[in-house]
Amino acid sequence: DNNGRKEEMNIKLDKEDDIFVDVGANIGIYSLYAASVNDAVKFFAIEPIDETFKELLKNIELNNYTKQIVPVPVALSFAIGEGRMIGNDGRAGSSGAQLMFDSNAPGLSIRTTTGDQILGQI
C-alpha cells in the first residue's frame, strides 16, 4: 500500500549512458527527475501536443535544465511526416492520446519523425 502516493521513480542511468530519450515526455517529470540524478546525460524530451509542450518548456526553464534537456515538439514514429493525434482532451499534461496515420481521422495534426532523425542531430 502506498497510502495514495505515486510510486517512486526508479530511473537508473549508468555512468556510460550519455543519451536519454523521453518519448511522450508530457510535462517533463521523468526527464527532469533523471536530469537531477545524472548531469552528464543529454536528454531529449519528445512531446507532440502543443499545450503540453508549452508546459514542458516552462518546467525545463523553471528547473534550470535548458542546457541538458532538449525539448522536441514532434511525435516519434516509423516515418517523417504528419499524423493525427486522437484521444487528446485538450488539457495540458493529459495523457492517453494515440497517433493515427489516417488523414481523415479526427484530432490534431501532428508532425512525426523517427528516432534516427532525432539522434542524427547530435
Protein backbone atom coordinates (compact mmCIF):
# COMPACT_ATOMS: atom_id res chain seq x y z
CA ASP A 1 0.00 0.00 0.00
CA ASN A 2 1.45 3.36 -0.98
CA ASN A 3 -1.04 5.47 1.03
CA GLY A 4 -2.20 7.39 -2.02
CA ARG A 5 1.31 8.48 -3.04
CA LYS A 6 2.66 8.00 -6.51
CA GLU A 7 5.18 5.21 -6.90
CA GLU A 8 8.81 6.23 -6.66
CA MET A 9 10.51 6.76 -9.97
CA ASN A 10 13.16 4.15 -10.47
CA ILE A 11 15.36 5.50 -13.23
CA LYS A 12 18.87 4.13 -13.26
CA LEU A 13 21.42 5.64 -15.57
CA ASP A 14 24.81 4.03 -15.94
CA LYS A 15 27.83 6.28 -15.95
CA GLU A 16 28.42 5.22 -19.57
CA ASP A 17 24.95 6.36 -20.69
CA ASP A 18 25.09 9.66 -22.48
CA ILE A 19 21.62 9.92 -24.04
CA PHE A 20 18.12 9.55 -22.56
CA VAL A 21 15.08 9.79 -24.85
CA ASP A 22 11.79 10.52 -23.07
CA VAL A 23 9.12 9.62 -25.65
CA GLY A 24 5.79 11.23 -24.81
CA ALA A 25 7.53 13.43 -22.26
CA ASN A 26 4.30 15.16 -21.27
CA ILE A 27 5.25 17.97 -18.85
CA GLY A 28 8.73 16.53 -18.29
CA ILE A 29 8.54 14.71 -14.97
CA TYR A 30 10.80 11.79 -15.97
CA SER A 31 13.28 13.96 -17.89
CA LEU A 32 13.55 16.45 -15.04
CA TYR A 33 13.98 13.74 -12.42
CA ALA A 34 16.55 11.83 -14.46
CA ALA A 35 18.47 15.05 -15.20
CA SER A 36 18.56 15.78 -11.48
CA VAL A 37 20.32 12.47 -10.75
CA ASN A 38 22.78 12.46 -13.67
CA ASP A 39 24.14 15.74 -15.01
CA ALA A 40 26.35 14.04 -17.62
CA VAL A 41 23.44 12.77 -19.73
CA LYS A 42 21.85 14.65 -22.66
CA PHE A 43 18.06 14.34 -22.61
CA PHE A 44 15.59 14.52 -25.48
CA ALA A 45 12.05 15.20 -24.24
CA ILE A 46 9.69 14.37 -27.10
CA GLU A 47 6.15 15.77 -26.77
CA PRO A 48 3.83 16.39 -29.74
CA ILE A 49 0.82 18.06 -28.07
CA ASP A 50 1.26 21.85 -28.32
CA GLU A 51 -0.32 22.86 -24.99
CA THR A 52 1.58 20.16 -23.12
CA PHE A 53 4.80 21.06 -24.95
CA LYS A 54 4.45 24.66 -23.69
CA GLU A 55 4.25 23.36 -20.11
CA LEU A 56 7.26 21.12 -20.76
CA LEU A 57 9.26 24.17 -21.88
CA LYS A 58 8.24 26.10 -18.76
CA ASN A 59 9.24 23.22 -16.49
CA ILE A 60 12.63 22.83 -18.16
CA GLU A 61 13.30 26.56 -17.73
CA LEU A 62 11.97 26.77 -14.16
CA ASN A 63 14.25 23.91 -13.13
CA ASN A 64 17.31 25.27 -14.98
CA TYR A 65 17.80 22.30 -17.31
CA THR A 66 17.83 24.22 -20.62
CA LYS A 67 21.38 23.07 -21.39
CA GLN A 68 20.74 19.42 -20.55
CA ILE A 69 17.19 18.72 -21.80
CA VAL A 70 16.36 19.24 -25.47
CA PRO A 71 12.59 19.57 -25.98
CA VAL A 72 11.36 18.18 -29.31
CA PRO A 73 7.82 19.11 -30.48
CA VAL A 74 7.01 16.03 -32.58
CA ALA A 75 5.60 12.52 -32.27
CA LEU A 76 8.10 9.69 -32.57
CA SER A 77 7.13 7.33 -35.35
CA PHE A 78 8.42 4.98 -38.04
CA ALA A 79 8.29 7.81 -40.62
CA ILE A 80 8.91 11.52 -41.05
CA GLY A 81 5.69 13.30 -41.95
CA GLU A 82 2.33 14.02 -40.36
CA GLY A 83 -0.22 12.08 -38.40
CA ARG A 84 -3.37 12.75 -36.39
CA MET A 85 -3.37 12.64 -32.60
CA ILE A 86 -6.68 11.29 -31.32
CA GLY A 87 -7.95 10.90 -27.79
CA ASN A 88 -6.39 14.13 -26.52
CA ASP A 89 -8.78 16.05 -24.29
CA GLY A 90 -7.04 19.41 -24.78
CA ARG A 91 -5.75 19.83 -21.24
CA ALA A 92 -2.04 20.44 -20.87
CA GLY A 93 -0.50 17.37 -19.26
CA SER A 94 -3.32 14.99 -20.06
CA SER A 95 -2.34 11.58 -21.40
CA GLY A 96 -3.73 8.72 -23.42
CA ALA A 97 -3.63 10.24 -26.91
CA GLN A 98 -2.82 7.95 -29.83
CA LEU A 99 -1.15 8.63 -33.16
CA MET A 100 -3.05 7.70 -36.32
CA PHE A 101 -1.88 7.93 -39.93
CA ASP A 102 -5.34 8.31 -41.42
CA SER A 103 -5.60 11.86 -42.78
CA ASN A 104 -9.40 11.66 -42.36
CA ALA A 105 -9.17 10.77 -38.67
CA PRO A 106 -10.42 13.35 -36.18
CA GLY A 107 -7.92 15.02 -33.89
CA LEU A 108 -4.88 17.24 -34.02
CA SER A 109 -2.50 17.34 -36.95
CA ILE A 110 0.93 16.37 -35.57
CA ARG A 111 4.41 16.35 -37.10
CA THR A 112 6.19 13.00 -36.86
CA THR A 113 9.82 12.00 -37.06
CA THR A 114 11.97 8.95 -36.44
CA GLY A 115 14.38 8.17 -33.64
CA ASP A 116 17.18 8.02 -36.19
CA GLN A 117 16.35 11.55 -37.31
CA ILE A 118 16.43 12.89 -33.74
CA LEU A 119 19.62 11.08 -32.74
CA GLY A 120 21.25 12.05 -36.05
CA GLN A 121 21.16 15.69 -34.93
CA ILE A 122 23.54 15.06 -32.04
